Each structure stands twice: as structure tokens, then as C-alpha cells.
Amino acid sequence: MTTTVRLPLRIEQALATYCVETKRTKSEVIVELLEQRLMGTQTESTPYELAREAGFIGCIAGKGQTASTKERVAAAIRKKHGKTHAR
């Protein structure tokens, strides 16, 4: 089915740039975005979203939270790689 959509110039330019960078057609990108929006499908989380979920981004100075971001990152890396002691 063919559908025509008028896009603001800034969105059209952003879409064209994205398509060149990802070597995908405008149709592919638009269909994927509509599927995500309308069908509720999720894509992989971005690195930012993963870091935020892990607690590395955002306010950490709060009640009971005294570790610095550096310490929290180091602890997460040690946990991931099975290291039990800090250097």
C-alpha cells in the first residue's frame, strides 16, 4: 500500500542522513518505526538507557548512596567478571 506523508524539512533531512549512515531505505526505516510505535515492539536498549537502568547515570548522592560513580562502575565490572576484591 502506498501512503504519502508530508515531513517537515528538518525531519526529512534527518531521515535522509540516517538512511545514508545505516544504508537503509526510507521505507524500511519508516515501516520499522511505525511497527515499534503501533505494535509495541521494542528495539535493543541504547547504551545510555542501559547505563541509566544500571544506575550509572543520574543523581547518586542520596540517602544511603555514598559510592561515587567510579566506585559503582568498578564494582559492577568486578561483579561481571567474578572478581571479589578491589585493587
C-alpha atoms as a PDB file:
ATOM      1  CA  MET A   1       0.000   0.000   0.000  1.00  0.00           C
ATOM      2  CA  THR A   2       1.289   3.453  -0.844  1.00  0.00           C
ATOM      3  CA  THR A   3       0.894   6.318   1.611  1.00  0.00           C
ATOM      4  CA  THR A   4       2.092   9.874   1.203  1.00  0.00           C
ATOM      5  CA  VAL A   5       3.274  11.845   4.214  1.00  0.00           C
ATOM      6  CA  ARG A   6       4.441  15.447   4.365  1.00  0.00           C
ATOM      7  CA  LEU A   7       7.508  15.790   6.553  1.00  0.00           C
ATOM      8  CA  PRO A   8       8.958  18.991   7.947  1.00  0.00           C
ATOM      9  CA  LEU A   9      12.281  19.788   6.272  1.00  0.00           C
ATOM     10  CA  ARG A  10      14.328  19.077   9.432  1.00  0.00           C
ATOM     11  CA  ILE A  11      12.801  15.596   9.778  1.00  0.00           C
ATOM     12  CA  GLU A  12      13.225  14.839   6.091  1.00  0.00           C
ATOM     13  CA  GLN A  13      16.894  15.832   6.283  1.00  0.00           C
ATOM     14  CA  ALA A  14      17.442  13.798   9.456  1.00  0.00           C
ATOM     15  CA  LEU A  15      15.769  10.788   7.850  1.00  0.00           C
ATOM     16  CA  ALA A  16      17.884  11.092   4.708  1.00  0.00           C
ATOM     17  CA  THR A  17      21.087  11.349   6.768  1.00  0.00           C
ATOM     18  CA  TYR A  18      20.094   8.360   8.898  1.00  0.00           C
ATOM     19  CA  CYS A  19      19.322   6.279   5.806  1.00  0.00           C
ATOM     20  CA  VAL A  20      22.713   7.048   4.260  1.00  0.00           C
ATOM     21  CA  GLU A  21      24.534   6.223   7.522  1.00  0.00           C
ATOM     22  CA  THR A  22      22.675   2.944   8.040  1.00  0.00           C
ATOM     23  CA  LYS A  23      22.445   2.005   4.341  1.00  0.00           C
ATOM     24  CA  ARG A  24      18.685   1.520   4.587  1.00  0.00           C
ATOM     25  CA  THR A  25      15.804   2.879   2.553  1.00  0.00           C
ATOM     26  CA  LYS A  26      13.403   5.487   3.865  1.00  0.00           C
ATOM     27  CA  SER A  27      10.605   2.940   3.576  1.00  0.00           C
ATOM     28  CA  GLU A  28      12.448   0.412   5.735  1.00  0.00           C
ATOM     29  CA  VAL A  29      13.107   2.970   8.452  1.00  0.00           C
ATOM     30  CA  ILE A  30       9.576   4.382   8.431  1.00  0.00           C
ATOM     31  CA  VAL A  31       7.954   0.930   8.500  1.00  0.00           C
ATOM     32  CA  GLU A  32      10.200  -0.146  11.395  1.00  0.00           C
ATOM     33  CA  LEU A  33       9.388   2.991  13.397  1.00  0.00           C
ATOM     34  CA  LEU A  34       5.660   2.620  12.774  1.00  0.00           C
ATOM     35  CA  GLU A  35       5.775  -1.033  13.822  1.00  0.00           C
ATOM     36  CA  GLN A  36       7.564  -0.102  17.025  1.00  0.00           C
ATOM     37  CA  ARG A  37       5.089   2.653  17.779  1.00  0.00           C
ATOM     38  CA  LEU A  38       1.878   0.907  16.792  1.00  0.00           C
ATOM     39  CA  MET A  39       2.641  -2.725  17.586  1.00  0.00           C
ATOM     40  CA  GLY A  40       4.556  -2.078  20.787  1.00  0.00           C
ATOM     41  CA  THR A  41       7.710  -3.878  19.657  1.00  0.00           C
ATOM     42  CA  GLN A  42      10.893  -2.873  21.406  1.00  0.00           C
ATOM     43  CA  THR A  43      14.353  -2.452  19.975  1.00  0.00           C
ATOM     44  CA  GLU A  44      17.568  -3.082  21.853  1.00  0.00           C
ATOM     45  CA  SER A  45      18.263  -0.620  24.611  1.00  0.00           C
ATOM     46  CA  THR A  46      20.744   2.104  23.810  1.00  0.00           C
ATOM     47  CA  PRO A  47      23.988   2.292  25.806  1.00  0.00           C
ATOM     48  CA  TYR A  48      22.573   5.363  27.550  1.00  0.00           C
ATOM     49  CA  GLU A  49      19.404   3.508  28.569  1.00  0.00           C
ATOM     50  CA  LEU A  50      21.430   0.556  29.866  1.00  0.00           C
ATOM     51  CA  ALA A  51      23.713   2.843  31.892  1.00  0.00           C
ATOM     52  CA  ARG A  52      20.718   4.698  33.313  1.00  0.00           C
ATOM     53  CA  GLU A  53      18.985   1.431  34.278  1.00  0.00           C
ATOM     54  CA  ALA A  54      22.200   0.254  35.956  1.00  0.00           C
ATOM     55  CA  GLY A  55      22.287   3.448  37.998  1.00  0.00           C
ATOM     56  CA  PHE A  56      25.404   4.943  36.441  1.00  0.00           C
ATOM     57  CA  ILE A  57      23.577   7.993  35.097  1.00  0.00           C
ATOM     58  CA  GLY A  58      21.543  10.309  37.264  1.00  0.00           C
ATOM     59  CA  CYS A  59      21.700  11.567  40.783  1.00  0.00           C
ATOM     60  CA  ILE A  60      23.556   9.192  43.088  1.00  0.00           C
ATOM     61  CA  ALA A  61      24.025  11.456  46.093  1.00  0.00           C
ATOM     62  CA  GLY A  62      21.070  10.491  48.179  1.00  0.00           C
ATOM     63  CA  LYS A  63      20.002   8.710  51.302  1.00  0.00           C
ATOM     64  CA  GLY A  64      22.130   5.621  51.687  1.00  0.00           C
ATOM     65  CA  GLN A  65      24.045   6.190  48.452  1.00  0.00           C
ATOM     66  CA  THR A  66      27.575   7.328  49.172  1.00  0.00           C
ATOM     67  CA  ALA A  67      29.562   5.494  46.500  1.00  0.00           C
ATOM     68  CA  SER A  68      30.984   7.580  43.686  1.00  0.00           C
ATOM     69  CA  THR A  69      30.153   6.747  40.087  1.00  0.00           C
ATOM     70  CA  LYS A  70      33.710   5.476  39.615  1.00  0.00           C
ATOM     71  CA  GLU A  71      33.328   3.109  42.571  1.00  0.00           C
ATOM     72  CA  ARG A  72      29.954   1.861  41.319  1.00  0.00           C
ATOM     73  CA  VAL A  73      31.343   1.206  37.830  1.00  0.00           C
ATOM     74  CA  ALA A  74      34.344  -0.635  39.277  1.00  0.00           C
ATOM     75  CA  ALA A  75      32.050  -2.748  41.490  1.00  0.00           C
ATOM     76  CA  ALA A  76      29.826  -3.621  38.521  1.00  0.00           C
ATOM     77  CA  ILE A  77      32.847  -4.651  36.452  1.00  0.00           C
ATOM     78  CA  ARG A  78      34.206  -6.791  39.304  1.00  0.00           C
ATOM     79  CA  LYS A  79      30.789  -8.412  39.701  1.00  0.00           C
ATOM     80  CA  LYS A  80      30.505  -9.122  35.977  1.00  0.00           C
ATOM     81  CA  HIS A  81      33.977 -10.676  35.756  1.00  0.00           C
ATOM     82  CA  GLY A  82      33.800 -12.554  39.056  1.00  0.00           C
ATOM     83  CA  LYS A  83      36.454 -10.535  40.845  1.00  0.00           C
ATOM     84  CA  THR A  84      35.897 -10.436  44.571  1.00  0.00           C
ATOM     85  CA  HIS A  85      38.499  -7.936  45.694  1.00  0.00           C
ATOM     86  CA  ALA A  86      39.331  -4.339  44.840  1.00  0.00           C
ATOM     87  CA  ARG A  87      42.834  -3.208  43.978  1.00  0.00           C
END
